[in-house]
């Protein structure tokens, strides 16, 4: 069965659009994590440490041509502008997956006059078309609109399930937030550095300010403090090796 390849927009130091206390890059990565948790092995997450636009990642992508690609973003505009939509290369006709995504967005994140838009002035849709990939860029509402942000945060699992339904991908049994949330600050007992573990990969902090932003956003999203777990040096090294073997 083909898989869904999920690209989270921006990243690698580029926060994307900012609004209502959130950054686009962080929010679409949070959605990607839920999509993976619910869709399992049928969902492949692109490297969250990369910016696939800035580093021309799609032009060097090496995945099977029958994979579907969804690149996720959140838009910015005047505070009243809202709603999600699907962007495809202007040279193509929307397929059934694009139409299903647009129908889902019109239910959960309404507000756009056109739910599917063809563009020829965006780099990644053009790069994907040149490589022959089945690709679409999806704007999951406006991060500058308070209602869109509220819906995106409170209905993230509904959005993830809607994406999976659009591609005909089955869903794993949903776990409670407490059971599935493995996010934490990770530190080796005798090590100097701390890392953010998002449930899948370890990320080093570039600064104390970056750590504070992640901790503040976690608390805003979950209502809980992000815990710090101190591993023995031996267990920390085991964790690093396991993640490396799994491509994380």
Protein backbone atom coordinates (compact mmCIF):
# COMPACT_ATOMS: atom_id res chain seq x y z
CA UNK A 1 0.00 0.00 0.00
CA UNK A 2 1.32 3.51 -0.78
CA UNK A 3 2.27 5.68 2.17
CA UNK A 4 1.67 9.30 3.06
CA UNK A 5 4.88 11.34 3.20
CA UNK A 6 4.33 14.34 5.47
CA UNK A 7 6.46 17.46 5.10
CA UNK A 8 6.15 20.03 7.90
CA UNK A 9 6.70 23.51 6.47
CA UNK A 10 9.46 25.89 7.54
CA UNK A 11 11.73 24.82 10.42
CA UNK A 12 15.54 24.76 10.68
CA UNK A 13 15.42 28.16 12.36
CA UNK A 14 12.51 29.50 10.30
CA UNK A 15 9.39 29.71 12.51
CA UNK A 16 7.08 30.48 9.60
CA UNK A 17 4.02 32.59 10.30
CA UNK A 18 3.42 33.72 13.88
CA UNK A 19 0.15 34.57 15.58
CA UNK A 20 -1.94 34.12 18.71
CA UNK A 21 1.10 32.93 20.66
CA UNK A 22 2.07 30.20 18.20
CA UNK A 23 4.60 29.55 15.46
CA UNK A 24 3.61 27.84 12.21
CA UNK A 25 6.60 25.50 12.13
CA UNK A 26 5.91 24.16 15.62
CA UNK A 27 2.17 23.69 15.05
CA UNK A 28 2.47 21.72 11.80
CA UNK A 29 5.08 19.49 13.44
CA UNK A 30 2.66 18.85 16.29
CA UNK A 31 0.06 17.84 13.70
CA UNK A 32 2.60 15.56 12.04
CA UNK A 33 3.28 13.78 15.31
CA UNK A 34 -0.45 13.14 15.83
CA UNK A 35 -0.79 11.97 12.23
CA UNK A 36 2.01 9.47 12.76
CA UNK A 37 0.63 8.32 16.11
CA UNK A 38 -2.78 7.64 14.57
CA UNK A 39 -1.70 6.44 11.12
CA UNK A 40 1.25 4.31 12.19
CA UNK A 41 3.56 2.86 9.58
CA UNK A 42 1.40 4.16 6.73
CA UNK A 43 2.64 7.66 7.56
CA UNK A 44 6.26 8.65 6.92
CA UNK A 45 7.40 11.91 8.51
CA UNK A 46 9.87 14.04 6.62
CA UNK A 47 12.85 15.26 8.63
CA UNK A 48 11.46 17.80 11.11
CA UNK A 49 14.93 19.34 11.48
CA UNK A 50 14.90 20.46 7.84
CA UNK A 51 13.27 23.25 5.89
CA UNK A 52 12.33 21.49 2.64
CA UNK A 53 11.78 24.80 0.86
CA UNK A 54 15.06 26.46 1.85
CA UNK A 55 17.25 23.41 1.22
CA UNK A 56 15.47 22.31 -1.98
CA UNK A 57 14.73 19.00 -0.30
CA UNK A 58 12.01 17.83 -2.68
CA UNK A 59 14.37 18.00 -5.65
CA UNK A 60 16.64 15.46 -3.94
CA UNK A 61 13.90 13.41 -2.30
CA UNK A 62 14.21 9.65 -2.80
CA UNK A 63 10.88 8.01 -2.02
CA UNK A 64 8.72 5.66 -4.14
CA UNK A 65 6.70 7.49 -6.77
CA UNK A 66 3.46 5.95 -5.51
CA UNK A 67 3.79 7.74 -2.15
CA UNK A 68 1.47 10.68 -1.59
CA UNK A 69 3.12 13.91 -0.37
CA UNK A 70 1.37 16.44 1.85
CA UNK A 71 3.25 19.58 2.83
CA UNK A 72 1.62 21.29 5.81
CA UNK A 73 1.48 25.02 6.52
CA UNK A 74 -0.62 27.60 8.32
CA UNK A 75 -1.37 30.90 6.59
CA UNK A 76 -1.04 34.49 7.81
CA UNK A 77 -3.19 37.51 7.04
CA UNK A 78 -5.50 40.07 8.58
CA UNK A 79 -7.05 38.82 11.83
CA UNK A 80 -10.43 38.22 10.19
CA UNK A 81 -9.05 36.02 7.40
CA UNK A 82 -9.63 32.32 8.12
CA UNK A 83 -10.01 28.87 6.65
CA UNK A 84 -7.87 26.12 5.16
CA UNK A 85 -7.37 25.11 1.55
CA UNK A 86 -5.37 22.87 -0.77
CA UNK A 87 -2.75 24.17 -3.21
CA UNK A 88 -1.68 22.13 -6.23
CA UNK A 89 0.54 22.81 -9.21
CA UNK A 90 -1.38 24.90 -11.74
CA UNK A 91 -0.62 22.43 -14.51
CA UNK A 92 -2.56 19.62 -12.83
CA UNK A 93 -6.19 18.81 -12.16
CA UNK A 94 -7.16 18.11 -8.56
CA UNK A 95 -7.33 14.39 -7.86
CA UNK A 96 -9.61 12.52 -5.46
CA UNK A 97 -7.20 13.02 -2.58
CA UNK A 98 -7.12 16.79 -3.07
CA UNK A 99 -10.91 16.87 -3.25
CA UNK A 100 -11.28 14.80 -0.08
CA UNK A 101 -8.83 17.03 1.80
CA UNK A 102 -10.69 20.13 0.62
CA UNK A 103 -14.02 18.69 1.78
CA UNK A 104 -12.55 17.92 5.20
CA UNK A 105 -11.10 21.43 5.52
CA UNK A 106 -14.40 23.02 4.53
CA UNK A 107 -16.04 21.21 7.46
CA UNK A 108 -13.39 21.77 10.13
CA UNK A 109 -11.61 24.96 9.02
CA UNK A 110 -14.10 26.82 6.80
CA UNK A 111 -13.73 30.32 5.43
CA UNK A 112 -12.03 30.13 2.02
CA UNK A 113 -13.88 31.04 -1.14
CA UNK A 114 -11.77 28.53 -3.13
CA UNK A 115 -10.91 25.24 -1.45
CA UNK A 116 -8.48 24.03 -4.14
CA UNK A 117 -6.15 26.50 -5.82
CA UNK A 118 -3.71 25.94 -8.68
CA UNK A 119 -0.45 27.89 -8.38
CA UNK A 120 2.57 28.10 -10.67
CA UNK A 121 4.59 30.53 -8.52
CA UNK A 122 5.46 28.29 -5.57
CA UNK A 123 8.77 26.43 -5.53
CA UNK A 124 7.83 23.13 -3.88
CA UNK A 125 4.73 22.34 -5.98
CA UNK A 126 6.88 23.00 -9.06
CA UNK A 127 9.75 20.89 -7.74
CA UNK A 128 7.42 17.99 -6.94
CA UNK A 129 5.83 18.22 -10.39
CA UNK A 130 9.26 18.09 -12.02
CA UNK A 131 10.05 14.93 -10.05
CA UNK A 132 6.73 13.26 -10.84
CA UNK A 133 5.50 13.11 -7.24
CA UNK A 134 1.85 13.14 -6.17
CA UNK A 135 1.99 16.32 -4.09
CA UNK A 136 -0.16 19.00 -2.52
CA UNK A 137 0.47 21.87 -0.09
CA UNK A 138 -2.23 22.31 2.54
CA UNK A 139 -2.85 25.48 4.53
CA UNK A 140 -4.48 24.39 7.80
CA UNK A 141 -6.16 27.71 8.50
CA UNK A 142 -4.70 31.08 9.49
CA UNK A 143 -2.40 31.20 12.49
CA UNK A 144 -3.30 34.90 12.68
CA UNK A 145 -6.98 34.06 13.25
CA UNK A 146 -7.85 33.21 16.85
CA UNK A 147 -10.74 30.91 15.92
CA UNK A 148 -8.69 28.94 13.40
CA UNK A 149 -5.95 28.46 16.00
CA UNK A 150 -8.48 27.34 18.60
CA UNK A 151 -9.98 24.80 16.18
CA UNK A 152 -6.58 23.59 15.01
CA UNK A 153 -5.43 22.98 18.59
CA UNK A 154 -8.64 21.51 19.98
CA UNK A 155 -9.44 19.34 16.94
CA UNK A 156 -5.95 18.26 15.93
CA UNK A 157 -6.87 14.57 16.08
CA UNK A 158 -9.98 15.21 13.97
CA UNK A 159 -7.81 16.95 11.38
CA UNK A 160 -5.28 14.10 11.44
CA UNK A 161 -8.05 11.51 11.03
CA UNK A 162 -9.51 13.58 8.20
CA UNK A 163 -6.17 13.53 6.41
CA UNK A 164 -5.90 9.76 6.81
CA UNK A 165 -9.48 9.28 5.60
CA UNK A 166 -8.75 11.41 2.53
CA UNK A 167 -5.98 9.00 1.52
CA UNK A 168 -7.83 5.85 2.56
CA UNK A 169 -5.37 5.12 5.36
CA UNK A 170 -6.59 3.12 8.35
CA UNK A 171 -6.15 4.39 11.87
CA UNK A 172 -4.57 2.76 14.89
CA UNK A 173 -6.54 2.61 18.11
CA UNK A 174 -6.33 6.05 19.67
CA UNK A 175 -4.56 6.21 23.00
CA UNK A 176 -5.21 8.72 25.72
CA UNK A 177 -3.09 11.85 25.72
CA UNK A 178 -1.43 10.68 28.94
CA UNK A 179 -0.54 7.29 27.46
CA UNK A 180 0.81 8.48 24.15
CA UNK A 181 2.53 11.73 25.09
CA UNK A 182 6.22 10.89 25.48
CA UNK A 183 7.52 14.43 25.09
CA UNK A 184 10.06 15.56 27.69
CA UNK A 185 13.34 17.33 28.29
CA UNK A 186 16.10 14.70 28.30
CA UNK A 187 19.38 14.98 30.14
CA UNK A 188 22.23 12.58 30.84
CA UNK A 189 23.07 12.36 34.54
CA UNK A 190 26.65 13.56 34.14
CA UNK A 191 26.17 15.30 30.81
CA UNK A 192 26.14 19.06 30.38
CA UNK A 193 23.56 19.37 27.64
CA UNK A 194 19.79 19.01 27.59
CA UNK A 195 17.66 17.84 24.66
CA UNK A 196 14.02 17.98 23.65
CA UNK A 197 12.50 14.55 22.99
CA UNK A 198 9.35 14.95 20.84
CA UNK A 199 8.37 11.29 21.16
CA UNK A 200 10.35 10.31 18.08
CA UNK A 201 13.67 12.17 18.01
CA UNK A 202 16.11 14.10 20.17
CA UNK A 203 16.69 17.77 19.37
CA UNK A 204 19.46 19.84 20.91
CA UNK A 205 18.59 23.33 22.11
CA UNK A 206 20.31 26.16 20.28
CA UNK A 207 19.72 28.48 23.22
CA UNK A 208 17.93 28.86 26.52
CA UNK A 209 15.38 31.04 24.74
CA UNK A 210 14.50 28.18 22.37
CA UNK A 211 14.00 25.83 25.35
CA UNK A 212 11.68 28.36 27.00
CA UNK A 213 9.59 28.73 23.82
CA UNK A 214 9.12 24.95 23.56
CA UNK A 215 8.22 24.61 27.24
CA UNK A 216 5.79 27.55 27.09
CA UNK A 217 4.07 26.19 23.97
CA UNK A 218 3.81 22.72 25.48
CA UNK A 219 2.12 24.10 28.58
CA UNK A 220 -0.20 26.28 26.49
CA UNK A 221 -1.22 23.30 24.36
CA UNK A 222 -1.55 20.66 27.11
CA UNK A 223 -2.05 22.65 30.29
CA UNK A 224 0.88 20.73 31.83
CA UNK A 225 4.56 21.43 32.43
CA UNK A 226 7.06 19.68 30.19
CA UNK A 227 8.95 17.34 32.49
CA UNK A 228 12.71 16.87 32.59
CA UNK A 229 13.92 13.27 32.76
CA UNK A 230 17.49 12.62 33.86
CA UNK A 231 18.86 9.33 32.50
CA UNK A 232 21.96 7.54 33.67
CA UNK A 233 24.77 8.06 31.18
CA UNK A 234 24.43 4.41 30.14
CA UNK A 235 20.66 4.63 29.56
CA UNK A 236 21.07 7.93 27.71
CA UNK A 237 23.54 6.34 25.30
CA UNK A 238 21.17 3.40 24.79
CA UNK A 239 18.36 5.82 23.90
CA UNK A 240 20.57 7.66 21.41
CA UNK A 241 21.59 4.37 19.75
CA UNK A 242 18.02 3.06 19.51
CA UNK A 243 16.81 6.28 17.90
CA UNK A 244 19.74 6.24 15.49
CA UNK A 245 18.93 2.66 14.42
CA UNK A 246 15.34 3.70 13.77
CA UNK A 247 16.42 6.64 11.63
CA UNK A 248 15.42 9.20 14.24
